[in-house]
Protein backbone atom coordinates (compact mmCIF):
# COMPACT_ATOMS: atom_id res chain seq x y z
CA UNK A 1 -16.65 39.31 82.34
CA UNK A 2 -15.24 37.64 85.47
CA UNK A 3 -18.61 35.99 86.06
CA UNK A 4 -18.58 34.57 82.52
CA UNK A 5 -15.14 32.97 83.03
CA UNK A 6 -16.20 31.58 86.40
CA UNK A 7 -19.11 29.85 84.63
CA UNK A 8 -17.04 28.67 81.64
CA UNK A 9 -14.20 27.13 83.63
CA UNK A 10 -16.28 24.33 85.25
CA UNK A 11 -17.98 23.60 81.92
CA UNK A 12 -14.65 23.30 80.10
CA UNK A 13 -13.17 21.15 82.88
CA UNK A 14 -16.23 18.86 82.90
CA UNK A 15 -15.97 18.49 79.12
CA UNK A 16 -12.27 17.60 79.32
CA UNK A 17 -12.78 15.11 82.15
CA UNK A 18 -15.73 13.43 80.40
CA UNK A 19 -13.79 13.32 77.12
CA UNK A 20 -10.85 11.63 78.88
CA UNK A 21 -13.14 9.08 80.50
CA UNK A 22 -15.44 8.32 77.57
CA UNK A 23 -12.86 8.60 74.78
CA UNK A 24 -9.88 7.13 76.59
CA UNK A 25 -10.30 5.26 79.85
CA UNK A 26 -13.59 3.47 79.14
CA UNK A 27 -12.66 2.19 75.64
CA UNK A 28 -9.28 0.99 76.95
CA UNK A 29 -10.98 -0.83 79.83
CA UNK A 30 -13.57 -2.52 77.59
CA UNK A 31 -10.93 -3.45 74.99
CA UNK A 32 -8.70 -4.91 77.72
CA UNK A 33 -11.54 -7.02 79.10
CA UNK A 34 -12.53 -8.20 75.61
CA UNK A 35 -8.94 -9.10 74.68
CA UNK A 36 -8.60 -11.07 77.92
CA UNK A 37 -11.99 -12.78 78.26
CA UNK A 38 -13.01 -13.10 74.60
CA UNK A 39 -9.74 -13.22 72.70
CA UNK A 40 -11.00 -15.00 69.57
CA UNK A 41 -14.13 -12.86 69.21
CA UNK A 42 -12.24 -9.62 69.87
CA UNK A 43 -9.81 -10.56 67.10
CA UNK A 44 -12.65 -10.92 64.58
CA UNK A 45 -13.49 -14.65 64.93
CA UNK A 46 -10.94 -15.43 62.23
CA UNK A 47 -10.82 -18.86 60.66
CA UNK A 48 -7.37 -20.13 59.71
CA UNK A 49 -6.10 -23.14 57.80
CA UNK A 50 -3.69 -25.70 59.22
CA UNK A 51 -0.75 -23.44 58.32
CA UNK A 52 -2.21 -20.48 60.23
CA UNK A 53 -3.21 -18.55 57.09
CA UNK A 54 -6.42 -16.55 57.56
CA UNK A 55 -9.19 -17.88 55.30
CA UNK A 56 -11.98 -15.62 56.51
CA UNK A 57 -14.12 -14.68 59.47
CA UNK A 58 -16.98 -16.65 60.94
CA UNK A 59 -18.82 -13.32 61.14
CA UNK A 60 -18.59 -12.25 57.48
CA UNK A 61 -20.05 -13.92 54.42
CA UNK A 62 -17.99 -14.75 51.36
CA UNK A 63 -19.07 -15.36 47.80
CA UNK A 64 -18.99 -19.00 46.69
CA UNK A 65 -20.26 -19.64 43.16
CA UNK A 66 -18.85 -23.05 42.16
CA UNK A 67 -21.25 -26.01 42.08
CA UNK A 68 -19.19 -27.99 44.60
CA UNK A 69 -19.74 -25.31 47.28
CA UNK A 70 -22.81 -24.16 49.16
CA UNK A 71 -23.83 -20.70 48.03
CA UNK A 72 -24.45 -17.86 50.50
CA UNK A 73 -27.38 -15.51 50.44
CA UNK A 74 -27.15 -12.61 47.97
CA UNK A 75 -25.17 -9.55 49.03
CA UNK A 76 -25.97 -5.88 48.49
CA UNK A 77 -22.61 -4.78 49.94
CA UNK A 78 -20.67 -3.09 47.16
CA UNK A 79 -19.89 -5.56 44.39
CA UNK A 80 -20.83 -8.33 46.82
CA UNK A 81 -19.47 -9.17 50.26
CA UNK A 82 -17.40 -5.98 50.37
CA UNK A 83 -17.02 -5.24 54.09
CA UNK A 84 -16.04 -1.65 53.31
CA UNK A 85 -19.46 -1.14 51.67
CA UNK A 86 -21.61 -2.99 54.17
CA UNK A 87 -25.29 -2.19 53.91
CA UNK A 88 -28.57 -3.22 52.41
CA UNK A 89 -29.99 -2.21 49.06
CA UNK A 90 -32.57 0.06 50.74
CA UNK A 91 -35.19 -1.29 48.33
CA UNK A 92 -38.57 -1.83 49.95
CA UNK A 93 -41.37 -4.33 49.31
CA UNK A 94 -43.07 -2.00 46.81
CA UNK A 95 -39.89 -1.60 44.75
CA UNK A 96 -40.30 -3.02 41.24
CA UNK A 97 -36.51 -3.32 40.97
CA UNK A 98 -36.42 -5.53 44.08
CA UNK A 99 -39.37 -7.64 42.92
CA UNK A 100 -37.74 -8.19 39.52
CA UNK A 101 -34.41 -9.12 41.14
CA UNK A 102 -36.12 -11.61 43.46
CA UNK A 103 -37.98 -13.24 40.55
CA UNK A 104 -34.69 -13.60 38.65
CA UNK A 105 -32.95 -15.02 41.71
CA UNK A 106 -35.76 -17.53 42.32
CA UNK A 107 -35.56 -18.79 38.72
CA UNK A 108 -31.75 -19.00 38.89
CA UNK A 109 -31.87 -20.81 42.26
CA UNK A 110 -34.34 -23.39 40.96
CA UNK A 111 -32.28 -23.96 37.81
CA UNK A 112 -28.93 -24.14 39.64
CA UNK A 113 -30.26 -26.63 42.21
CA UNK A 114 -32.37 -28.64 39.73
CA UNK A 115 -35.64 -27.88 41.53
CA UNK A 116 -39.17 -28.04 40.14
CA UNK A 117 -40.56 -24.85 38.60
CA UNK A 118 -43.00 -24.50 41.50
CA UNK A 119 -40.58 -25.46 44.31
CA UNK A 120 -40.69 -23.14 47.31
CA UNK A 121 -37.44 -21.18 47.60
CA UNK A 122 -36.37 -19.93 51.05
CA UNK A 123 -36.37 -16.14 51.42
CA UNK A 124 -32.70 -16.07 52.46
CA UNK A 125 -31.74 -17.66 49.13
CA UNK A 126 -33.03 -14.67 47.15
CA UNK A 127 -32.82 -11.64 49.47
CA UNK A 128 -29.78 -9.88 50.91
CA UNK A 129 -29.40 -9.30 54.62
CA UNK A 130 -29.39 -5.81 56.11
CA UNK A 131 -25.59 -5.73 56.18
CA UNK A 132 -25.04 -7.66 52.95
CA UNK A 133 -22.42 -9.69 54.84
CA UNK A 134 -24.49 -12.37 56.59
CA UNK A 135 -22.37 -15.54 56.88
CA UNK A 136 -25.35 -17.85 57.52
CA UNK A 137 -28.06 -19.45 55.45
CA UNK A 138 -31.14 -21.23 56.70
CA UNK A 139 -31.11 -24.99 57.19
CA UNK A 140 -33.79 -25.32 54.47
CA UNK A 141 -31.61 -23.33 52.02
CA UNK A 142 -28.65 -25.62 52.74
CA UNK A 143 -30.79 -28.76 52.36
CA UNK A 144 -32.06 -27.59 48.95
CA UNK A 145 -28.45 -27.13 47.79
CA UNK A 146 -27.29 -30.50 49.16
CA UNK A 147 -28.07 -32.56 46.04
CA UNK A 148 -26.13 -30.17 43.76
CA UNK A 149 -23.10 -30.16 46.07
CA UNK A 150 -23.21 -33.95 46.53
CA UNK A 151 -23.35 -34.52 42.77
CA UNK A 152 -20.47 -32.10 42.08
CA UNK A 153 -18.30 -33.79 44.74
CA UNK A 154 -19.33 -37.39 44.06
CA UNK A 155 -20.68 -37.73 47.58
CA UNK A 156 -23.93 -39.17 48.85
CA UNK A 157 -26.65 -36.67 49.66
CA UNK A 158 -26.86 -38.26 53.12
CA UNK A 159 -23.17 -37.47 53.79
CA UNK A 160 -23.66 -33.85 52.73
CA UNK A 161 -26.79 -33.55 54.90
CA UNK A 162 -24.79 -34.97 57.82
CA UNK A 163 -22.31 -32.12 57.37
CA UNK A 164 -25.19 -29.63 57.28
CA UNK A 165 -26.48 -31.01 60.57
CA UNK A 166 -23.07 -30.86 62.27
CA UNK A 167 -22.47 -27.34 60.89
CA UNK A 168 -25.83 -25.96 62.04
CA UNK A 169 -25.66 -23.36 64.79
CA UNK A 170 -28.70 -23.53 67.05
CA UNK A 171 -30.61 -20.43 68.08
CA UNK A 172 -29.12 -18.47 70.98
CA UNK A 173 -30.45 -19.64 74.34
CA UNK A 174 -32.77 -21.92 72.39
CA UNK A 175 -35.21 -19.07 71.66
CA UNK A 176 -33.36 -16.14 70.05
CA UNK A 177 -33.29 -16.27 66.27
CA UNK A 178 -33.38 -19.30 64.04
CA UNK A 179 -30.89 -22.08 63.53
CA UNK A 180 -28.46 -21.25 60.73
CA UNK A 181 -25.61 -22.76 58.77
CA UNK A 182 -22.33 -20.86 58.47
CA UNK A 183 -21.49 -21.21 54.76
CA UNK A 184 -17.72 -20.76 55.14
CA UNK A 185 -17.47 -23.37 57.90
CA UNK A 186 -19.66 -25.80 55.96
CA UNK A 187 -17.60 -25.39 52.78
CA UNK A 188 -14.38 -25.87 54.76
CA UNK A 189 -15.84 -29.06 56.25
CA UNK A 190 -16.58 -30.26 52.71
CA UNK A 191 -13.03 -29.50 51.61
CA UNK A 192 -11.69 -31.41 54.63
CA UNK A 193 -13.38 -34.61 53.38
CA UNK A 194 -10.70 -35.07 50.69
């Protein structure tokens, strides 16, 4: 029995020490560095208005449905853009339900943006991201929505496309991912034109 306790004691001590380091010291250290070196990102990349009121996060999509706003990609998170229910639909390419939903979304997108019946619709305009909270749309998606937004706001299409260009985030390091447009930032830039 004494031999058993002599073997258990180091195992228990190692577990306690590792728990203190990995569950306490390390997270505190990383959080401290993040709060110091990357304050805005560590706080959620929040976007505020001129009065300091939080409007949203640059990292989370929001649902915009009015004609005078750019629309985000569809969301499968809860009832839509619900951060507490983040996740994809888990429907695969052979799913009839997904194929039917995409066909409906393509038709609605073409109608909403006054596009020809055979116009190519970007994939991000009709499919949800893996998280259902993606804040970006492709540049092509934004450009196809530009005429609708310009008409609803009595702006020239060129002015709206200028805003798309200035709101486009380039790919990381010039090679990672594609350029994208943050919908919330773009819509806020539109509102600032008043």
